[in-house]
Amino acid sequence: MVSVRVTIKESSELDEPTLEHILDLGQGCLDCLHDLEALIRKYESVGSRARRAWDRMGWEKEKIADIRQRVISNTSLLSSFNISLTR
């Protein structure tokens, strides 16, 4: 994220608060993706022959619901930010 921060600050005409806002949004997206990746890795070992076990576990429904909500939230925040930039 450090290289992204430097690149954005060097090549952008945005003011400092706006830069910080977009970097915070990006960090939120990155955190969500890391959590999703960790969950996927946790269940990779289940294998395709154990489909029933996979279904029984239910992918830790609370965790999936949390990550899904965070994806929706991050998408909405990025969309709102984009709209505010184009106005």
PDB file of N, CA and C in Angstrom:
ATOM      1  N   MET A   1       0.829  -1.188   0.000  1.00  0.00           N
ATOM      2  CA  MET A   1       0.000   0.000   0.000  1.00  0.00           C
ATOM      3  C   MET A   1       0.875   1.254   0.000  1.00  0.00           C
ATOM      4  N   VAL A   2       2.112   1.129   0.461  1.00  0.00           N
ATOM      5  CA  VAL A   2       3.008   2.282   0.500  1.00  0.00           C
ATOM      6  C   VAL A   2       3.298   2.781  -0.909  1.00  0.00           C
ATOM      7  N   SER A   3       3.563   1.863  -1.854  1.00  0.00           N
ATOM      8  CA  SER A   3       3.853   2.288  -3.223  1.00  0.00           C
ATOM      9  C   SER A   3       2.637   2.931  -3.874  1.00  0.00           C
ATOM     10  N   VAL A   4       1.451   2.451  -3.559  1.00  0.00           N
ATOM     11  CA  VAL A   4       0.219   3.052  -4.078  1.00  0.00           C
ATOM     12  C   VAL A   4       0.082   4.466  -3.529  1.00  0.00           C
ATOM     13  N   ARG A   5       0.336   4.619  -2.246  1.00  0.00           N
ATOM     14  CA  ARG A   5       0.250   5.936  -1.602  1.00  0.00           C
ATOM     15  C   ARG A   5       1.196   6.930  -2.283  1.00  0.00           C
ATOM     16  N   VAL A   6       2.433   6.520  -2.518  1.00  0.00           N
ATOM     17  CA  VAL A   6       3.423   7.397  -3.150  1.00  0.00           C
ATOM     18  C   VAL A   6       3.007   7.724  -4.574  1.00  0.00           C
ATOM     19  N   THR A   7       2.584   6.725  -5.335  1.00  0.00           N
ATOM     20  CA  THR A   7       2.185   6.935  -6.727  1.00  0.00           C
ATOM     21  C   THR A   7       1.010   7.894  -6.830  1.00  0.00           C
ATOM     22  N   ILE A   8       0.010   7.708  -5.984  1.00  0.00           N
ATOM     23  CA  ILE A   8      -1.164   8.574  -6.030  1.00  0.00           C
ATOM     24  C   ILE A   8      -0.779  10.005  -5.673  1.00  0.00           C
ATOM     25  N   LYS A   9       0.018  10.161  -4.642  1.00  0.00           N
ATOM     26  CA  LYS A   9       0.402  11.512  -4.221  1.00  0.00           C
ATOM     27  C   LYS A   9       1.262  12.214  -5.265  1.00  0.00           C
ATOM     28  N   GLU A  10       2.114  11.473  -5.953  1.00  0.00           N
ATOM     29  CA  GLU A  10       2.998  12.086  -6.948  1.00  0.00           C
ATOM     30  C   GLU A  10       2.275  12.429  -8.248  1.00  0.00           C
ATOM     31  N   SER A  11       1.278  11.637  -8.607  1.00  0.00           N
ATOM     32  CA  SER A  11       0.648  11.832  -9.912  1.00  0.00           C
ATOM     33  C   SER A  11      -0.738  12.447  -9.840  1.00  0.00           C
ATOM     34  N   SER A  12      -1.161  12.861  -8.680  1.00  0.00           N
ATOM     35  CA  SER A  12      -2.526  13.334  -8.525  1.00  0.00           C
ATOM     36  C   SER A  12      -2.584  14.837  -8.290  1.00  0.00           C
ATOM     37  N   GLU A  13      -3.668  15.406  -8.761  1.00  0.00           N
ATOM     38  CA  GLU A  13      -3.936  16.829  -8.525  1.00  0.00           C
ATOM     39  C   GLU A  13      -4.968  17.005  -7.412  1.00  0.00           C
ATOM     40  N   LEU A  14      -5.274  15.927  -6.711  1.00  0.00           N
ATOM     41  CA  LEU A  14      -6.264  15.976  -5.641  1.00  0.00           C
ATOM     42  C   LEU A  14      -5.660  16.586  -4.384  1.00  0.00           C
ATOM     43  N   ASP A  15      -6.514  17.183  -3.573  1.00  0.00           N
ATOM     44  CA  ASP A  15      -6.026  17.752  -2.316  1.00  0.00           C
ATOM     45  C   ASP A  15      -5.760  16.640  -1.297  1.00  0.00           C
ATOM     46  N   GLU A  16      -5.054  16.989  -0.233  1.00  0.00           N
ATOM     47  CA  GLU A  16      -4.609  16.005   0.760  1.00  0.00           C
ATOM     48  C   GLU A  16      -5.762  15.227   1.406  1.00  0.00           C
ATOM     49  N   PRO A  17      -6.846  15.879   1.845  1.00  0.00           N
ATOM     50  CA  PRO A  17      -7.949  15.104   2.441  1.00  0.00           C
ATOM     51  C   PRO A  17      -8.574  14.106   1.464  1.00  0.00           C
ATOM     52  N   THR A  18      -8.675  14.499   0.199  1.00  0.00           N
ATOM     53  CA  THR A  18      -9.241  13.596  -0.801  1.00  0.00           C
ATOM     54  C   THR A  18      -8.314  12.411  -1.036  1.00  0.00           C
ATOM     55  N   LEU A  19      -7.011  12.671  -1.086  1.00  0.00           N
ATOM     56  CA  LEU A  19      -6.034  11.586  -1.242  1.00  0.00           C
ATOM     57  C   LEU A  19      -6.115  10.613  -0.076  1.00  0.00           C
ATOM     58  N   GLU A  20      -6.187  11.134   1.121  1.00  0.00           N
ATOM     59  CA  GLU A  20      -6.279  10.270   2.294  1.00  0.00           C
ATOM     60  C   GLU A  20      -7.567   9.448   2.268  1.00  0.00           C
ATOM     61  N   HIS A  21      -8.644  10.050   1.802  1.00  0.00           N
ATOM     62  CA  HIS A  21      -9.926   9.343   1.727  1.00  0.00           C
ATOM     63  C   HIS A  21      -9.834   8.167   0.763  1.00  0.00           C
ATOM     64  N   ILE A  22      -9.278   8.394  -0.411  1.00  0.00           N
ATOM     65  CA  ILE A  22      -9.188   7.300  -1.381  1.00  0.00           C
ATOM     66  C   ILE A  22      -8.218   6.217  -0.908  1.00  0.00           C
ATOM     67  N   LEU A  23      -7.170   6.609  -0.224  1.00  0.00           N
ATOM     68  CA  LEU A  23      -6.245   5.610   0.313  1.00  0.00           C
ATOM     69  C   LEU A  23      -6.901   4.790   1.422  1.00  0.00           C
ATOM     70  N   ASP A  24      -7.726   5.418   2.238  1.00  0.00           N
ATOM     71  CA  ASP A  24      -8.471   4.685   3.269  1.00  0.00           C
ATOM     72  C   ASP A  24      -9.458   3.704   2.639  1.00  0.00           C
ATOM     73  N   LEU A  25     -10.124   4.151   1.581  1.00  0.00           N
ATOM     74  CA  LEU A  25     -11.047   3.265   0.867  1.00  0.00           C
ATOM     75  C   LEU A  25     -10.294   2.069   0.287  1.00  0.00           C
ATOM     76  N   GLY A  26      -9.157   2.336  -0.303  1.00  0.00           N
ATOM     77  CA  GLY A  26      -8.339   1.258  -0.872  1.00  0.00           C
ATOM     78  C   GLY A  26      -7.877   0.278   0.183  1.00  0.00           C
ATOM     79  N   GLN A  27      -7.494   0.791   1.348  1.00  0.00           N
ATOM     80  CA  GLN A  27      -7.062  -0.089   2.437  1.00  0.00           C
ATOM     81  C   GLN A  27      -8.210  -0.959   2.918  1.00  0.00           C
ATOM     82  N   GLY A  28      -9.405  -0.398   2.980  1.00  0.00           N
ATOM     83  CA  GLY A  28     -10.578  -1.182   3.374  1.00  0.00           C
ATOM     84  C   GLY A  28     -10.850  -2.317   2.398  1.00  0.00           C
ATOM     85  N   CYS A  29     -10.709  -2.030   1.115  1.00  0.00           N
ATOM     86  CA  CYS A  29     -10.895  -3.065   0.085  1.00  0.00           C
ATOM     87  C   CYS A  29      -9.830  -4.145   0.216  1.00  0.00           C
ATOM     88  N   LEU A  30      -8.595  -3.719   0.413  1.00  0.00           N
ATOM     89  CA  LEU A  30      -7.492  -4.665   0.539  1.00  0.00           C
ATOM     90  C   LEU A  30      -7.671  -5.563   1.764  1.00  0.00           C
ATOM     91  N   ASP A  31      -8.077  -4.993   2.882  1.00  0.00           N
ATOM     92  CA  ASP A  31      -8.319  -5.786   4.090  1.00  0.00           C
ATOM     93  C   ASP A  31      -9.405  -6.829   3.861  1.00  0.00           C
ATOM     94  N   CYS A  32     -10.461  -6.432   3.180  1.00  0.00           N
ATOM     95  CA  CYS A  32     -11.564  -7.344   2.879  1.00  0.00           C
ATOM     96  C   CYS A  32     -11.084  -8.492   1.981  1.00  0.00           C
ATOM     97  N   LEU A  33     -10.291  -8.173   0.979  1.00  0.00           N
ATOM     98  CA  LEU A  33      -9.767  -9.207   0.083  1.00  0.00           C
ATOM     99  C   LEU A  33      -8.832 -10.167   0.810  1.00  0.00           C
ATOM    100  N   HIS A  34      -8.035  -9.661   1.729  1.00  0.00           N
ATOM    101  CA  HIS A  34      -7.147 -10.531   2.516  1.00  0.00           C
ATOM    102  C   HIS A  34      -7.962 -11.489   3.386  1.00  0.00           C
ATOM    103  N   ASP A  35      -9.026 -10.991   3.994  1.00  0.00           N
ATOM    104  CA  ASP A  35      -9.875 -11.849   4.813  1.00  0.00           C
ATOM    105  C   ASP A  35     -10.559 -12.918   3.974  1.00  0.00           C
ATOM    106  N   LEU A  36     -11.022 -12.553   2.797  1.00  0.00           N
ATOM    107  CA  LEU A  36     -11.651 -13.512   1.898  1.00  0.00           C
ATOM    108  C   LEU A  36     -10.644 -14.561   1.439  1.00  0.00           C
ATOM    109  N   GLU A  37      -9.446 -14.131   1.104  1.00  0.00           N
ATOM    110  CA  GLU A  37      -8.395 -15.057   0.690  1.00  0.00           C
ATOM    111  C   GLU A  37      -8.058 -16.046   1.808  1.00  0.00           C
ATOM    112  N   ALA A  38      -7.982 -15.566   3.034  1.00  0.00           N
ATOM    113  CA  ALA A  38      -7.693 -16.446   4.171  1.00  0.00           C
ATOM    114  C   ALA A  38      -8.792 -17.490   4.344  1.00  0.00           C
ATOM    115  N   LEU A  39     -10.034 -17.091   4.167  1.00  0.00           N
ATOM    116  CA  LEU A  39     -11.150 -18.022   4.288  1.00  0.00           C
ATOM    117  C   LEU A  39     -11.120 -19.057   3.174  1.00  0.00           C
ATOM    118  N   ILE A  40     -10.807 -18.623   1.966  1.00  0.00           N
ATOM    119  CA  ILE A  40     -10.716 -19.558   0.836  1.00  0.00           C
ATOM    120  C   ILE A  40      -9.595 -20.563   1.072  1.00  0.00           C
ATOM    121  N   ARG A  41      -8.447 -20.099   1.528  1.00  0.00           N
ATOM    122  CA  ARG A  41      -7.324 -21.004   1.808  1.00  0.00           C
ATOM    123  C   ARG A  41      -7.677 -22.010   2.893  1.00  0.00           C
ATOM    124  N   LYS A  42      -8.460 -21.578   3.865  1.00  0.00           N
ATOM    125  CA  LYS A  42      -8.860 -22.463   4.954  1.00  0.00           C
ATOM    126  C   LYS A  42      -9.640 -23.656   4.422  1.00  0.00           C
ATOM    127  N   TYR A  43     -10.462 -23.425   3.399  1.00  0.00           N
ATOM    128  CA  TYR A  43     -11.312 -24.484   2.877  1.00  0.00           C
ATOM    129  C   TYR A  43     -10.767 -25.149   1.616  1.00  0.00           C
ATOM    130  N   GLU A  44      -9.612 -24.749   1.132  1.00  0.00           N
ATOM    131  CA  GLU A  44      -9.027 -25.389  -0.050  1.00  0.00           C
ATOM    132  C   GLU A  44      -8.757 -26.864   0.175  1.00  0.00           C
ATOM    133  N   SER A  45      -8.379 -27.222   1.377  1.00  0.00           N
ATOM    134  CA  SER A  45      -7.997 -28.603   1.664  1.00  0.00           C
ATOM    135  C   SER A  45      -9.187 -29.555   1.696  1.00  0.00           C
ATOM    136  N   VAL A  46     -10.382 -29.031   1.668  1.00  0.00           N
ATOM    137  CA  VAL A  46     -11.568 -29.890   1.717  1.00  0.00           C
ATOM    138  C   VAL A  46     -11.628 -30.790   0.495  1.00  0.00           C
ATOM    139  N   GLY A  47     -11.298 -30.267  -0.681  1.00  0.00           N
ATOM    140  CA  GLY A  47     -11.273 -31.077  -1.890  1.00  0.00           C
ATOM    141  C   GLY A  47     -12.644 -31.276  -2.492  1.00  0.00           C
ATOM    142  N   SER A  48     -12.678 -31.644  -3.746  1.00  0.00           N
ATOM    143  CA  SER A  48     -13.948 -31.768  -4.466  1.00  0.00           C
ATOM    144  C   SER A  48     -14.726 -33.026  -4.091  1.00  0.00           C
ATOM    145  N   ARG A  49     -14.040 -34.061  -3.607  1.00  0.00           N
ATOM    146  CA  ARG A  49     -14.744 -35.298  -3.247  1.00  0.00           C
ATOM    147  C   ARG A  49     -15.506 -35.147  -1.941  1.00  0.00           C
ATOM    148  N   ALA A  50     -15.201 -34.146  -1.202  1.00  0.00           N
ATOM    149  CA  ALA A  50     -15.862 -33.954   0.091  1.00  0.00           C
ATOM    150  C   ALA A  50     -16.920 -32.863   0.008  1.00  0.00           C
ATOM    151  N   ARG A  51     -17.643 -32.820  -1.077  1.00  0.00           N
ATOM    152  CA  ARG A  51     -18.633 -31.772  -1.304  1.00  0.00           C
ATOM    153  C   ARG A  51     -19.681 -31.716  -0.183  1.00  0.00           C
ATOM    154  N   ARG A  52     -20.120 -32.854   0.287  1.00  0.00           N
ATOM    155  CA  ARG A  52     -21.139 -32.866   1.348  1.00  0.00           C
ATOM    156  C   ARG A  52     -20.607 -32.235   2.627  1.00  0.00           C
ATOM    157  N   ALA A  53     -19.364 -32.547   2.973  1.00  0.00           N
ATOM    158  CA  ALA A  53     -18.771 -31.944   4.165  1.00  0.00           C
ATOM    159  C   ALA A  53     -18.697 -30.434   4.002  1.00  0.00           C
ATOM    160  N   TRP A  54     -18.341 -30.008   2.802  1.00  0.00           N
ATOM    161  CA  TRP A  54     -18.267 -28.572   2.492  1.00  0.00           C
ATOM    162  C   TRP A  54     -19.627 -27.923   2.727  1.00  0.00           C
ATOM    163  N   ASP A  55     -20.670 -28.562   2.202  1.00  0.00           N
ATOM    164  CA  ASP A  55     -22.022 -28.028   2.360  1.00  0.00           C
ATOM    165  C   ASP A  55     -22.444 -27.996   3.825  1.00  0.00           C
ATOM    166  N   ARG A  56     -22.072 -29.029   4.597  1.00  0.00           N
ATOM    167  CA  ARG A  56     -22.435 -29.069   6.014  1.00  0.00           C
ATOM    168  C   ARG A  56     -21.774 -27.939   6.794  1.00  0.00           C
ATOM    169  N   MET A  57     -20.523 -27.652   6.441  1.00  0.00           N
ATOM    170  CA  MET A  57     -19.822 -26.586   7.153  1.00  0.00           C
ATOM    171  C   MET A  57     -20.434 -25.232   6.871  1.00  0.00           C
ATOM    172  N   GLY A  58     -21.013 -25.090   5.710  1.00  0.00           N
ATOM    173  CA  GLY A  58     -21.708 -23.856   5.376  1.00  0.00           C
ATOM    174  C   GLY A  58     -20.812 -22.639   5.252  1.00  0.00           C
ATOM    175  N   TRP A  59     -19.520 -22.876   5.056  1.00  0.00           N
ATOM    176  CA  TRP A  59     -18.574 -21.773   4.843  1.00  0.00           C
ATOM    177  C   TRP A  59     -18.627 -20.757   5.971  1.00  0.00           C
ATOM    178  N   GLU A  60     -18.842 -21.206   7.177  1.00  0.00           N
ATOM    179  CA  GLU A  60     -18.905 -20.298   8.316  1.00  0.00           C
ATOM    180  C   GLU A  60     -19.799 -19.106   7.986  1.00  0.00           C
ATOM    181  N   LYS A  61     -21.060 -19.339   7.970  1.00  0.00           N
ATOM    182  CA  LYS A  61     -22.037 -18.382   7.462  1.00  0.00           C
ATOM    183  C   LYS A  61     -21.880 -16.964   8.009  1.00  0.00           C
ATOM    184  N   GLU A  62     -21.524 -16.844   9.274  1.00  0.00           N
ATOM    185  CA  GLU A  62     -21.358 -15.494   9.829  1.00  0.00           C
ATOM    186  C   GLU A  62     -20.186 -14.776   9.171  1.00  0.00           C
ATOM    187  N   LYS A  63     -19.089 -15.525   8.952  1.00  0.00           N
ATOM    188  CA  LYS A  63     -17.914 -14.909   8.332  1.00  0.00           C
ATOM    189  C   LYS A  63     -18.210 -14.500   6.903  1.00  0.00           C
ATOM    190  N   ILE A  64     -18.881 -15.361   6.175  1.00  0.00           N
ATOM    191  CA  ILE A  64     -19.219 -15.050   4.789  1.00  0.00           C
ATOM    192  C   ILE A  64     -20.156 -13.857   4.744  1.00  0.00           C
ATOM    193  N   ALA A  65     -21.122 -13.812   5.625  1.00  0.00           N
ATOM    194  CA  ALA A  65     -22.061 -12.684   5.651  1.00  0.00           C
ATOM    195  C   ALA A  65     -21.315 -11.383   5.947  1.00  0.00           C
ATOM    196  N   ASP A  66     -20.349 -11.443   6.865  1.00  0.00           N
ATOM    197  CA  ASP A  66     -19.560 -10.258   7.201  1.00  0.00           C
ATOM    198  C   ASP A  66     -18.735  -9.797   6.003  1.00  0.00           C
ATOM    199  N   ILE A  67     -18.058 -10.725   5.361  1.00  0.00           N
ATOM    200  CA  ILE A  67     -17.233 -10.359   4.201  1.00  0.00           C
ATOM    201  C   ILE A  67     -18.106  -9.843   3.065  1.00  0.00           C
ATOM    202  N   ARG A  68     -19.228 -10.485   2.851  1.00  0.00           N
ATOM    203  CA  ARG A  68     -20.156 -10.030   1.799  1.00  0.00           C
ATOM    204  C   ARG A  68     -20.619  -8.603   2.068  1.00  0.00           C
ATOM    205  N   GLN A  69     -20.965  -8.316   3.310  1.00  0.00           N
ATOM    206  CA  GLN A  69     -21.402  -6.967   3.668  1.00  0.00           C
ATOM    207  C   GLN A  69     -20.281  -5.960   3.477  1.00  0.00           C
ATOM    208  N   ARG A  70     -19.058  -6.356   3.804  1.00  0.00           N
ATOM    209  CA  ARG A  70     -17.914  -5.460   3.622  1.00  0.00           C
ATOM    210  C   ARG A  70     -17.642  -5.196   2.146  1.00  0.00           C
ATOM    211  N   VAL A  71     -17.804  -6.213   1.293  1.00  0.00           N
ATOM    212  CA  VAL A  71     -17.636  -6.021  -0.153  1.00  0.00           C
ATOM    213  C   VAL A  71     -18.681  -5.034  -0.666  1.00  0.00           C
ATOM    214  N   ILE A  72     -19.917  -5.224  -0.253  1.00  0.00           N
ATOM    215  CA  ILE A  72     -20.999  -4.317  -0.663  1.00  0.00           C
ATOM    216  C   ILE A  72     -20.713  -2.898  -0.175  1.00  0.00           C
ATOM    217  N   SER A  73     -20.304  -2.780   1.071  1.00  0.00           N
ATOM    218  CA  SER A  73     -20.012  -1.471   1.643  1.00  0.00           C
ATOM    219  C   SER A  73     -18.860  -0.786   0.910  1.00  0.00           C
ATOM    220  N   ASN A  74     -17.773  -1.527   0.685  1.00  0.00           N
ATOM    221  CA  ASN A  74     -16.634  -0.947  -0.026  1.00  0.00           C
ATOM    222  C   ASN A  74     -16.990  -0.537  -1.449  1.00  0.00           C
ATOM    223  N   THR A  75     -17.786  -1.346  -2.119  1.00  0.00           N
ATOM    224  CA  THR A  75     -18.221  -1.015  -3.479  1.00  0.00           C
ATOM    225  C   THR A  75     -19.046   0.265  -3.474  1.00  0.00           C
ATOM    226  N   SER A  76     -19.957   0.388  -2.517  1.00  0.00           N
ATOM    227  CA  SER A  76     -20.784   1.594  -2.405  1.00  0.00           C
ATOM    228  C   SER A  76     -19.942   2.822  -2.102  1.00  0.00           C
ATOM    229  N   LEU A  77     -18.990   2.680  -1.184  1.00  0.00           N
ATOM    230  CA  LEU A  77     -18.124   3.806  -0.844  1.00  0.00           C
ATOM    231  C   LEU A  77     -17.271   4.247  -2.032  1.00  0.00           C
ATOM    232  N   LEU A  78     -16.731   3.289  -2.768  1.00  0.00           N
ATOM    233  CA  LEU A  78     -15.934   3.631  -3.948  1.00  0.00           C
ATOM    234  C   LEU A  78     -16.788   4.298  -5.019  1.00  0.00           C
ATOM    235  N   SER A  79     -17.995   3.803  -5.193  1.00  0.00           N
ATOM    236  CA  SER A  79     -18.906   4.395  -6.162  1.00  0.00           C
ATOM    237  C   SER A  79     -19.254   5.831  -5.775  1.00  0.00           C
ATOM    238  N   SER A  80     -19.560   6.046  -4.515  1.00  0.00           N
ATOM    239  CA  SER A  80     -19.872   7.402  -4.038  1.00  0.00           C
ATOM    240  C   SER A  80     -18.683   8.335  -4.204  1.00  0.00           C
ATOM    241  N   PHE A  81     -17.514   7.834  -3.903  1.00  0.00           N
ATOM    242  CA  PHE A  81     -16.310   8.625  -4.055  1.00  0.00           C
ATOM    243  C   PHE A  81     -16.089   8.996  -5.518  1.00  0.00           C
ATOM    244  N   ASN A  82     -16.274   8.036  -6.403  1.00  0.00           N
ATOM    245  CA  ASN A  82     -16.122   8.290  -7.839  1.00  0.00           C
ATOM    246  C   ASN A  82     -17.113   9.347  -8.312  1.00  0.00           C
ATOM    247  N   ILE A  83     -18.351   9.250  -7.852  1.00  0.00           N
ATOM    248  CA  ILE A  83     -19.372  10.236  -8.228  1.00  0.00           C
ATOM    249  C   ILE A  83     -18.970  11.630  -7.733  1.00  0.00           C
ATOM    250  N   SER A  84     -18.451  11.685  -6.508  1.00  0.00           N
ATOM    251  CA  SER A  84     -18.056  12.994  -5.961  1.00  0.00           C
ATOM    252  C   SER A  84     -16.893  13.600  -6.747  1.00  0.00           C
ATOM    253  N   LEU A  85     -16.028  12.780  -7.311  1.00  0.00           N
ATOM    254  CA  LEU A  85     -14.912  13.285  -8.107  1.00  0.00           C
ATOM    255  C   LEU A  85     -15.355  13.815  -9.467  1.00  0.00           C
ATOM    256  N   THR A  86     -16.385  13.194 -10.022  1.00  0.00           N
ATOM    257  CA  THR A  86     -16.832  13.593 -11.357  1.00  0.00           C
ATOM    258  C   THR A  86     -17.744  14.813 -11.332  1.00  0.00           C
ATOM    259  N   ARG A  87     -18.179  15.229 -10.163  1.00  0.00           N
ATOM    260  CA  ARG A  87     -19.049  16.403 -10.075  1.00  0.00           C
ATOM    261  C   ARG A  87     -18.280  17.646  -9.941  1.00  0.00           C
TER     262      ARG A  87
END
